[in-house]
Amino acid sequence: MNSRHRQRTATESSGQLATKMQPPGLDIHEIGGVRMGEDPDTSLLRAFSHMHACKNVFVTDGARMTSTGNQSPSLLYMALTARTASFAADQLADGHS
């Protein structure tokens, strides 16, 4: 059973209607909706992916990136998420909320 058949079978068994099937590897990575930067007038996130306006809200997906250097930026997102999680844990341990 190939991946397209497995996807169609899973979609049909869940009761959903598939409107378009595409081969694996053709997914897109939406990015750039929540800009990271130091100036709250031009960005929503600080350097460790927490919001300027609400410091206990973190964004750890592609929304924080304005562009990507390759077709599949997943490893970059995972590395930045690990960095963000470490920062958040340190902040919590230091008594920041």
PDB file of N, CA and C in Angstrom:
ATOM      1  N   MET A   1       0.852  -1.169   0.000  1.00  0.00           N
ATOM      2  CA  MET A   1       0.000   0.000   0.000  1.00  0.00           C
ATOM      3  C   MET A   1       0.903   1.239   0.000  1.00  0.00           C
ATOM      4  N   ASN A   2       0.740   2.110  -0.983  1.00  0.00           N
ATOM      5  CA  ASN A   2       1.583   3.300  -1.036  1.00  0.00           C
ATOM      6  C   ASN A   2       1.026   4.405  -0.139  1.00  0.00           C
ATOM      7  N   SER A   3       1.812   5.449   0.050  1.00  0.00           N
ATOM      8  CA  SER A   3       1.434   6.510   0.987  1.00  0.00           C
ATOM      9  C   SER A   3       0.169   7.246   0.552  1.00  0.00           C
ATOM     10  N   ARG A   4      -0.016   7.419  -0.737  1.00  0.00           N
ATOM     11  CA  ARG A   4      -1.225   8.099  -1.219  1.00  0.00           C
ATOM     12  C   ARG A   4      -2.470   7.276  -0.882  1.00  0.00           C
ATOM     13  N   HIS A   5      -2.378   5.955  -1.057  1.00  0.00           N
ATOM     14  CA  HIS A   5      -3.507   5.082  -0.737  1.00  0.00           C
ATOM     15  C   HIS A   5      -3.777   5.098   0.773  1.00  0.00           C
ATOM     16  N   ARG A   6      -2.717   5.056   1.591  1.00  0.00           N
ATOM     17  CA  ARG A   6      -2.892   5.107   3.051  1.00  0.00           C
ATOM     18  C   ARG A   6      -3.550   6.417   3.464  1.00  0.00           C
ATOM     19  N   GLN A   7      -3.132   7.534   2.861  1.00  0.00           N
ATOM     20  CA  GLN A   7      -3.711   8.830   3.189  1.00  0.00           C
ATOM     21  C   GLN A   7      -5.189   8.857   2.821  1.00  0.00           C
ATOM     22  N   ARG A   8      -5.524   8.368   1.630  1.00  0.00           N
ATOM     23  CA  ARG A   8      -6.919   8.351   1.190  1.00  0.00           C
ATOM     24  C   ARG A   8      -7.751   7.462   2.109  1.00  0.00           C
ATOM     25  N   THR A   9      -7.215   6.283   2.476  1.00  0.00           N
ATOM     26  CA  THR A   9      -7.939   5.362   3.351  1.00  0.00           C
ATOM     27  C   THR A   9      -8.174   5.994   4.720  1.00  0.00           C
ATOM     28  N   ALA A  10      -7.166   6.638   5.282  1.00  0.00           N
ATOM     29  CA  ALA A  10      -7.304   7.285   6.588  1.00  0.00           C
ATOM     30  C   ALA A  10      -8.317   8.420   6.530  1.00  0.00           C
ATOM     31  N   THR A  11      -8.287   9.186   5.467  1.00  0.00           N
ATOM     32  CA  THR A  11      -9.226  10.298   5.310  1.00  0.00           C
ATOM     33  C   THR A  11     -10.652   9.787   5.197  1.00  0.00           C
ATOM     34  N   GLU A  12     -10.851   8.776   4.380  1.00  0.00           N
ATOM     35  CA  GLU A  12     -12.201   8.224   4.190  1.00  0.00           C
ATOM     36  C   GLU A  12     -12.719   7.557   5.457  1.00  0.00           C
ATOM     37  N   SER A  13     -11.873   6.846   6.193  1.00  0.00           N
ATOM     38  CA  SER A  13     -12.325   6.156   7.398  1.00  0.00           C
ATOM     39  C   SER A  13     -12.659   7.131   8.518  1.00  0.00           C
ATOM     40  N   SER A  14     -12.105   8.346   8.468  1.00  0.00           N
ATOM     41  CA  SER A  14     -12.420   9.336   9.498  1.00  0.00           C
ATOM     42  C   SER A  14     -13.710  10.091   9.191  1.00  0.00           C
ATOM     43  N   GLY A  15     -14.291   9.845   8.024  1.00  0.00           N
ATOM     44  CA  GLY A  15     -15.525  10.516   7.648  1.00  0.00           C
ATOM     45  C   GLY A  15     -15.301  11.848   6.955  1.00  0.00           C
ATOM     46  N   GLN A  16     -14.053  12.202   6.696  1.00  0.00           N
ATOM     47  CA  GLN A  16     -13.741  13.456   6.028  1.00  0.00           C
ATOM     48  C   GLN A  16     -13.716  13.242   4.523  1.00  0.00           C
ATOM     49  N   LEU A  17     -13.932  14.310   3.806  1.00  0.00           N
ATOM     50  CA  LEU A  17     -13.839  14.253   2.350  1.00  0.00           C
ATOM     51  C   LEU A  17     -12.525  14.879   1.922  1.00  0.00           C
ATOM     52  N   ALA A  18     -11.778  14.162   1.144  1.00  0.00           N
ATOM     53  CA  ALA A  18     -10.523  14.700   0.622  1.00  0.00           C
ATOM     54  C   ALA A  18     -10.838  15.536  -0.612  1.00  0.00           C
ATOM     55  N   THR A  19     -10.419  16.783  -0.606  1.00  0.00           N
ATOM     56  CA  THR A  19     -10.684  17.629  -1.762  1.00  0.00           C
ATOM     57  C   THR A  19      -9.545  17.552  -2.772  1.00  0.00           C
ATOM     58  N   LYS A  20      -8.334  17.292  -2.295  1.00  0.00           N
ATOM     59  CA  LYS A  20      -7.193  17.198  -3.200  1.00  0.00           C
ATOM     60  C   LYS A  20      -6.125  16.342  -2.537  1.00  0.00           C
ATOM     61  N   MET A  21      -5.643  15.370  -3.251  1.00  0.00           N
ATOM     62  CA  MET A  21      -4.557  14.544  -2.741  1.00  0.00           C
ATOM     63  C   MET A  21      -3.271  14.993  -3.415  1.00  0.00           C
ATOM     64  N   GLN A  22      -2.227  15.134  -2.638  1.00  0.00           N
ATOM     65  CA  GLN A  22      -0.940  15.492  -3.220  1.00  0.00           C
ATOM     66  C   GLN A  22       0.118  14.534  -2.710  1.00  0.00           C
ATOM     67  N   PRO A  23       1.131  14.294  -3.505  1.00  0.00           N
ATOM     68  CA  PRO A  23       2.185  13.373  -3.089  1.00  0.00           C
ATOM     69  C   PRO A  23       2.937  13.917  -1.872  1.00  0.00           C
ATOM     70  N   PRO A  24       3.477  13.037  -1.041  1.00  0.00           N
ATOM     71  CA  PRO A  24       4.270  13.489   0.102  1.00  0.00           C
ATOM     72  C   PRO A  24       5.443  14.354  -0.355  1.00  0.00           C
ATOM     73  N   GLY A  25       5.827  15.293   0.489  1.00  0.00           N
ATOM     74  CA  GLY A  25       6.964  16.157   0.185  1.00  0.00           C
ATOM     75  C   GLY A  25       6.597  17.456  -0.501  1.00  0.00           C
ATOM     76  N   LEU A  26       5.324  17.633  -0.832  1.00  0.00           N
ATOM     77  CA  LEU A  26       4.920  18.858  -1.509  1.00  0.00           C
ATOM     78  C   LEU A  26       4.197  19.816  -0.565  1.00  0.00           C
ATOM     79  N   ASP A  27       4.270  19.570   0.726  1.00  0.00           N
ATOM     80  CA  ASP A  27       3.641  20.470   1.687  1.00  0.00           C
ATOM     81  C   ASP A  27       4.386  21.800   1.707  1.00  0.00           C
ATOM     82  N   ILE A  28       3.669  22.838   2.068  1.00  0.00           N
ATOM     83  CA  ILE A  28       4.307  24.147   2.176  1.00  0.00           C
ATOM     84  C   ILE A  28       4.485  24.501   3.643  1.00  0.00           C
ATOM     85  N   HIS A  29       5.363  25.401   3.910  1.00  0.00           N
ATOM     86  CA  HIS A  29       5.638  25.852   5.271  1.00  0.00           C
ATOM     87  C   HIS A  29       5.264  27.324   5.359  1.00  0.00           C
ATOM     88  N   GLU A  30       4.130  27.605   5.983  1.00  0.00           N
ATOM     89  CA  GLU A  30       3.703  28.987   6.151  1.00  0.00           C
ATOM     90  C   GLU A  30       4.587  29.656   7.195  1.00  0.00           C
ATOM     91  N   ILE A  31       5.081  30.831   6.874  1.00  0.00           N
ATOM     92  CA  ILE A  31       5.973  31.531   7.803  1.00  0.00           C
ATOM     93  C   ILE A  31       5.687  33.021   7.782  1.00  0.00           C
ATOM     94  N   GLY A  32       6.182  33.707   8.809  1.00  0.00           N
ATOM     95  CA  GLY A  32       6.235  35.159   8.782  1.00  0.00           C
ATOM     96  C   GLY A  32       5.092  35.934   9.373  1.00  0.00           C
ATOM     97  N   GLY A  33       4.151  35.316  10.067  1.00  0.00           N
ATOM     98  CA  GLY A  33       3.005  36.057  10.587  1.00  0.00           C
ATOM     99  C   GLY A  33       3.259  36.786  11.885  1.00  0.00           C
ATOM    100  N   VAL A  34       4.292  36.388  12.634  1.00  0.00           N
ATOM    101  CA  VAL A  34       4.575  36.979  13.944  1.00  0.00           C
ATOM    102  C   VAL A  34       6.074  37.292  14.009  1.00  0.00           C
ATOM    103  N   ARG A  35       6.443  38.450  13.541  1.00  0.00           N
ATOM    104  CA  ARG A  35       7.857  38.816  13.397  1.00  0.00           C
ATOM    105  C   ARG A  35       8.595  38.881  14.736  1.00  0.00           C
ATOM    106  N   MET A  36       9.835  38.405  14.738  1.00  0.00           N
ATOM    107  CA  MET A  36      10.713  38.460  15.898  1.00  0.00           C
ATOM    108  C   MET A  36      11.650  39.651  15.762  1.00  0.00           C
ATOM    109  N   GLY A  37      11.854  40.392  16.848  1.00  0.00           N
ATOM    110  CA  GLY A  37      12.763  41.529  16.832  1.00  0.00           C
ATOM    111  C   GLY A  37      12.809  42.222  18.176  1.00  0.00           C
ATOM    112  N   GLU A  38      13.698  43.182  18.316  1.00  0.00           N
ATOM    113  CA  GLU A  38      13.858  43.894  19.587  1.00  0.00           C
ATOM    114  C   GLU A  38      12.898  45.059  19.764  1.00  0.00           C
ATOM    115  N   ASP A  39      12.388  45.607  18.680  1.00  0.00           N
ATOM    116  CA  ASP A  39      11.530  46.793  18.751  1.00  0.00           C
ATOM    117  C   ASP A  39      10.060  46.384  18.748  1.00  0.00           C
ATOM    118  N   PRO A  40       9.330  46.654  19.839  1.00  0.00           N
ATOM    119  CA  PRO A  40       7.915  46.270  19.884  1.00  0.00           C
ATOM    120  C   PRO A  40       7.041  47.019  18.882  1.00  0.00           C
ATOM    121  N   ASP A  41       7.549  48.105  18.309  1.00  0.00           N
ATOM    122  CA  ASP A  41       6.789  48.824  17.286  1.00  0.00           C
ATOM    123  C   ASP A  41       6.836  48.134  15.928  1.00  0.00           C
ATOM    124  N   THR A  42       7.856  47.297  15.714  1.00  0.00           N
ATOM    125  CA  THR A  42       8.002  46.636  14.414  1.00  0.00           C
ATOM    126  C   THR A  42       7.984  45.115  14.506  1.00  0.00           C
ATOM    127  N   SER A  43       7.856  44.565  15.720  1.00  0.00           N
ATOM    128  CA  SER A  43       7.842  43.111  15.891  1.00  0.00           C
ATOM    129  C   SER A  43       6.949  42.740  17.070  1.00  0.00           C
ATOM    130  N   LEU A  44       6.488  41.514  17.065  1.00  0.00           N
ATOM    131  CA  LEU A  44       5.640  41.032  18.158  1.00  0.00           C
ATOM    132  C   LEU A  44       6.395  40.174  19.163  1.00  0.00           C
ATOM    133  N   LEU A  45       7.528  39.578  18.729  1.00  0.00           N
ATOM    134  CA  LEU A  45       8.258  38.663  19.593  1.00  0.00           C
ATOM    135  C   LEU A  45       9.644  39.179  19.925  1.00  0.00           C
ATOM    136  N   ARG A  46      10.107  38.862  21.118  1.00  0.00           N
ATOM    137  CA  ARG A  46      11.488  39.124  21.523  1.00  0.00           C
ATOM    138  C   ARG A  46      12.398  38.005  21.012  1.00  0.00           C
ATOM    139  N   ALA A  47      13.666  38.086  21.333  1.00  0.00           N
ATOM    140  CA  ALA A  47      14.663  37.152  20.800  1.00  0.00           C
ATOM    141  C   ALA A  47      14.428  35.693  21.180  1.00  0.00           C
ATOM    142  N   PHE A  48      13.795  35.437  22.312  1.00  0.00           N
ATOM    143  CA  PHE A  48      13.544  34.053  22.721  1.00  0.00           C
ATOM    144  C   PHE A  48      12.105  33.630  22.436  1.00  0.00           C
ATOM    145  N   SER A  49      11.502  34.287  21.457  1.00  0.00           N
ATOM    146  CA  SER A  49      10.177  33.921  20.939  1.00  0.00           C
ATOM    147  C   SER A  49       9.029  34.185  21.896  1.00  0.00           C
ATOM    148  N   HIS A  50       9.244  35.046  22.892  1.00  0.00           N
ATOM    149  CA  HIS A  50       8.129  35.436  23.751  1.00  0.00           C
ATOM    150  C   HIS A  50       7.654  36.829  23.344  1.00  0.00           C
ATOM    151  N   MET A  51       6.374  37.057  23.543  1.00  0.00           N
ATOM    152  CA  MET A  51       5.775  38.293  23.060  1.00  0.00           C
ATOM    153  C   MET A  51       6.246  39.507  23.853  1.00  0.00           C
ATOM    154  N   HIS A  52       6.377  40.631  23.168  1.00  0.00           N
ATOM    155  CA  HIS A  52       6.686  41.886  23.847  1.00  0.00           C
ATOM    156  C   HIS A  52       5.562  42.237  24.821  1.00  0.00           C
ATOM    157  N   ALA A  53       4.326  42.077  24.403  1.00  0.00           N
ATOM    158  CA  ALA A  53       3.174  42.526  25.177  1.00  0.00           C
ATOM    159  C   ALA A  53       2.773  41.568  26.292  1.00  0.00           C
ATOM    160  N   CYS A  54       3.140  40.311  26.182  1.00  0.00           N
ATOM    161  CA  CYS A  54       2.742  39.306  27.170  1.00  0.00           C
ATOM    162  C   CYS A  54       3.874  38.294  27.295  1.00  0.00           C
ATOM    163  N   LYS A  55       4.747  38.481  28.256  1.00  0.00           N
ATOM    164  CA  LYS A  55       6.013  37.747  28.311  1.00  0.00           C
ATOM    165  C   LYS A  55       5.889  36.244  28.583  1.00  0.00           C
ATOM    166  N   ASN A  56       4.705  35.775  28.972  1.00  0.00           N
ATOM    167  CA  ASN A  56       4.573  34.333  29.182  1.00  0.00           C
ATOM    168  C   ASN A  56       3.866  33.641  28.020  1.00  0.00           C
ATOM    169  N   VAL A  57       3.793  34.307  26.859  1.00  0.00           N
ATOM    170  CA  VAL A  57       3.255  33.705  25.642  1.00  0.00           C
ATOM    171  C   VAL A  57       4.414  33.516  24.662  1.00  0.00           C
ATOM    172  N   PHE A  58       4.623  32.266  24.248  1.00  0.00           N
ATOM    173  CA  PHE A  58       5.718  31.925  23.352  1.00  0.00           C
ATOM    174  C   PHE A  58       5.157  31.414  22.024  1.00  0.00           C
ATOM    175  N   VAL A  59       5.806  31.756  20.932  1.00  0.00           N
ATOM    176  CA  VAL A  59       5.437  31.270  19.605  1.00  0.00           C
ATOM    177  C   VAL A  59       6.622  30.453  19.099  1.00  0.00           C
ATOM    178  N   THR A  60       6.392  29.170  18.832  1.00  0.00           N
ATOM    179  CA  THR A  60       7.521  28.304  18.471  1.00  0.00           C
ATOM    180  C   THR A  60       7.338  27.607  17.132  1.00  0.00           C
ATOM    181  N   ASP A  61       6.628  28.238  16.228  1.00  0.00           N
ATOM    182  CA  ASP A  61       6.508  27.653  14.897  1.00  0.00           C
ATOM    183  C   ASP A  61       7.107  28.601  13.865  1.00  0.00           C
ATOM    184  N   GLY A  62       6.819  28.379  12.619  1.00  0.00           N
ATOM    185  CA  GLY A  62       7.388  29.186  11.551  1.00  0.00           C
ATOM    186  C   GLY A  62       6.877  30.604  11.480  1.00  0.00           C
ATOM    187  N   ALA A  63       5.849  30.927  12.243  1.00  0.00           N
ATOM    188  CA  ALA A  63       5.303  32.283  12.196  1.00  0.00           C
ATOM    189  C   ALA A  63       6.329  33.331  12.588  1.00  0.00           C
ATOM    190  N   ARG A  64       7.302  32.966  13.406  1.00  0.00           N
ATOM    191  CA  ARG A  64       8.295  33.941  13.874  1.00  0.00           C
ATOM    192  C   ARG A  64       9.392  34.239  12.847  1.00  0.00           C
ATOM    193  N   MET A  65       9.465  33.440  11.789  1.00  0.00           N
ATOM    194  CA  MET A  65      10.505  33.612  10.786  1.00  0.00           C
ATOM    195  C   MET A  65       9.982  34.442   9.613  1.00  0.00           C
ATOM    196  N   THR A  66      10.766  35.395   9.157  1.00  0.00           N
ATOM    197  CA  THR A  66      10.343  36.195   8.006  1.00  0.00           C
ATOM    198  C   THR A  66      10.672  35.515   6.685  1.00  0.00           C
ATOM    199  N   SER A  67      11.628  34.604   6.705  1.00  0.00           N
ATOM    200  CA  SER A  67      11.976  33.835   5.504  1.00  0.00           C
ATOM    201  C   SER A  67      12.699  32.574   5.951  1.00  0.00           C
ATOM    202  N   THR A  68      12.892  31.676   5.018  1.00  0.00           N
ATOM    203  CA  THR A  68      13.594  30.434   5.329  1.00  0.00           C
ATOM    204  C   THR A  68      14.672  30.187   4.282  1.00  0.00           C
ATOM    205  N   GLY A  69      15.744  29.564   4.696  1.00  0.00           N
ATOM    206  CA  GLY A  69      16.863  29.364   3.790  1.00  0.00           C
ATOM    207  C   GLY A  69      16.804  28.083   2.988  1.00  0.00           C
ATOM    208  N   ASN A  70      15.812  27.232   3.271  1.00  0.00           N
ATOM    209  CA  ASN A  70      15.720  25.979   2.527  1.00  0.00           C
ATOM    210  C   ASN A  70      14.272  25.549   2.393  1.00  0.00           C
ATOM    211  N   GLN A  71      14.052  24.447   1.704  1.00  0.00           N
ATOM    212  CA  GLN A  71      12.695  23.982   1.425  1.00  0.00           C
ATOM    213  C   GLN A  71      12.010  23.415   2.666  1.00  0.00           C
ATOM    214  N   SER A  72      12.752  22.773   3.540  1.00  0.00           N
ATOM    215  CA  SER A  72      12.173  22.145   4.717  1.00  0.00           C
ATOM    216  C   SER A  72      12.844  22.681   5.978  1.00  0.00           C
ATOM    217  N   PRO A  73      12.294  23.715   6.563  1.00  0.00           N
ATOM    218  CA  PRO A  73      12.929  24.362   7.716  1.00  0.00           C
ATOM    219  C   PRO A  73      12.620  23.694   9.058  1.00  0.00           C
ATOM    220  N   SER A  74      12.108  22.492   9.055  1.00  0.00           N
ATOM    221  CA  SER A  74      11.673  21.842  10.291  1.00  0.00           C
ATOM    222  C   SER A  74      12.787  21.720  11.326  1.00  0.00           C
ATOM    223  N   LEU A  75      14.000  21.381  10.910  1.00  0.00           N
ATOM    224  CA  LEU A  75      15.100  21.261  11.876  1.00  0.00           C
ATOM    225  C   LEU A  75      15.407  22.603  12.535  1.00  0.00           C
ATOM    226  N   LEU A  76      15.351  23.671  11.769  1.00  0.00           N
ATOM    227  CA  LEU A  76      15.563  25.001  12.338  1.00  0.00           C
ATOM    228  C   LEU A  76      14.482  25.312  13.360  1.00  0.00           C
ATOM    229  N   TYR A  77      13.226  25.018  13.035  1.00  0.00           N
ATOM    230  CA  TYR A  77      12.129  25.271  13.973  1.00  0.00           C
ATOM    231  C   TYR A  77      12.300  24.447  15.247  1.00  0.00           C
ATOM    232  N   MET A  78      12.721  23.202  15.112  1.00  0.00           N
ATOM    233  CA  MET A  78      12.924  22.362  16.299  1.00  0.00           C
ATOM    234  C   MET A  78      14.059  22.904  17.168  1.00  0.00           C
ATOM    235  N   ALA A  79      15.135  23.361  16.553  1.00  0.00           N
ATOM    236  CA  ALA A  79      16.253  23.917  17.314  1.00  0.00           C
ATOM    237  C   ALA A  79      15.838  25.198  18.034  1.00  0.00           C
ATOM    238  N   LEU A  80      15.119  26.068  17.351  1.00  0.00           N
ATOM    239  CA  LEU A  80      14.663  27.303  17.991  1.00  0.00           C
ATOM    240  C   LEU A  80      13.643  27.011  19.093  1.00  0.00           C
ATOM    241  N   THR A  81      12.820  26.001  18.911  1.00  0.00           N
ATOM    242  CA  THR A  81      11.861  25.616  19.947  1.00  0.00           C
ATOM    243  C   THR A  81      12.589  25.082  21.174  1.00  0.00           C
ATOM    244  N   ALA A  82      13.633  24.283  20.984  1.00  0.00           N
ATOM    245  CA  ALA A  82      14.424  23.781  22.110  1.00  0.00           C
ATOM    246  C   ALA A  82      15.079  24.951  22.853  1.00  0.00           C
ATOM    247  N   ARG A  83      15.591  25.919  22.116  1.00  0.00           N
ATOM    248  CA  ARG A  83      16.198  27.115  22.716  1.00  0.00           C
ATOM    249  C   ARG A  83      15.154  27.900  23.510  1.00  0.00           C
ATOM    250  N   THR A  84      13.971  28.048  22.952  1.00  0.00           N
ATOM    251  CA  THR A  84      12.892  28.768  23.616  1.00  0.00           C
ATOM    252  C   THR A  84      12.447  28.033  24.874  1.00  0.00           C
ATOM    253  N   ALA A  85      12.306  26.710  24.796  1.00  0.00           N
ATOM    254  CA  ALA A  85      11.885  25.919  25.959  1.00  0.00           C
ATOM    255  C   ALA A  85      12.910  26.016  27.081  1.00  0.00           C
ATOM    256  N   SER A  86      14.181  26.003  26.741  1.00  0.00           N
ATOM    257  CA  SER A  86      15.238  26.150  27.736  1.00  0.00           C
ATOM    258  C   SER A  86      15.157  27.523  28.411  1.00  0.00           C
ATOM    259  N   PHE A  87      14.951  28.556  27.621  1.00  0.00           N
ATOM    260  CA  PHE A  87      14.802  29.910  28.153  1.00  0.00           C
ATOM    261  C   PHE A  87      13.596  29.987  29.092  1.00  0.00           C
ATOM    262  N   ALA A  88      12.462  29.428  28.672  1.00  0.00           N
ATOM    263  CA  ALA A  88      11.249  29.463  29.495  1.00  0.00           C
ATOM    264  C   ALA A  88      11.458  28.716  30.814  1.00  0.00           C
ATOM    265  N   ALA A  89      12.120  27.566  30.757  1.00  0.00           N
ATOM    266  CA  ALA A  89      12.397  26.798  31.978  1.00  0.00           C
ATOM    267  C   ALA A  89      13.310  27.582  32.915  1.00  0.00           C
ATOM    268  N   ASP A  90      14.322  28.229  32.371  1.00  0.00           N
ATOM    269  CA  ASP A  90      15.213  29.063  33.190  1.00  0.00           C
ATOM    270  C   ASP A  90      14.459  30.223  33.836  1.00  0.00           C
ATOM    271  N   GLN A  91      13.587  30.863  33.065  1.00  0.00           N
ATOM    272  CA  GLN A  91      12.791  31.969  33.597  1.00  0.00           C
ATOM    273  C   GLN A  91      11.893  31.489  34.744  1.00  0.00           C
ATOM    274  N   LEU A  92      11.279  30.344  34.586  1.00  0.00           N
ATOM    275  CA  LEU A  92      10.413  29.785  35.616  1.00  0.00           C
ATOM    276  C   LEU A  92      11.216  29.433  36.865  1.00  0.00           C
ATOM    277  N   ALA A  93      12.388  28.820  36.671  1.00  0.00           N
ATOM    278  CA  ALA A  93      13.245  28.458  37.796  1.00  0.00           C
ATOM    279  C   ALA A  93      13.733  29.676  38.564  1.00  0.00           C
ATOM    280  N   ASP A  94      13.909  30.796  37.855  1.00  0.00           N
ATOM    281  CA  ASP A  94      14.356  32.049  38.492  1.00  0.00           C
ATOM    282  C   ASP A  94      13.206  32.826  39.120  1.00  0.00           C
ATOM    283  N   GLY A  95      11.990  32.296  39.052  1.00  0.00           N
ATOM    284  CA  GLY A  95      10.857  32.932  39.690  1.00  0.00           C
ATOM    285  C   GLY A  95      10.101  33.928  38.836  1.00  0.00           C
ATOM    286  N   HIS A  96      10.425  34.002  37.541  1.00  0.00           N
ATOM    287  CA  HIS A  96       9.688  34.883  36.631  1.00  0.00           C
ATOM    288  C   HIS A  96       8.420  34.176  36.163  1.00  0.00           C
ATOM    289  N   SER A  97       7.381  34.932  35.982  1.00  0.00           N
ATOM    290  CA  SER A  97       6.157  34.310  35.452  1.00  0.00           C
ATOM    291  C   SER A  97       5.746  34.942  34.165  1.00  0.00           C
TER     292      SER A  97
END
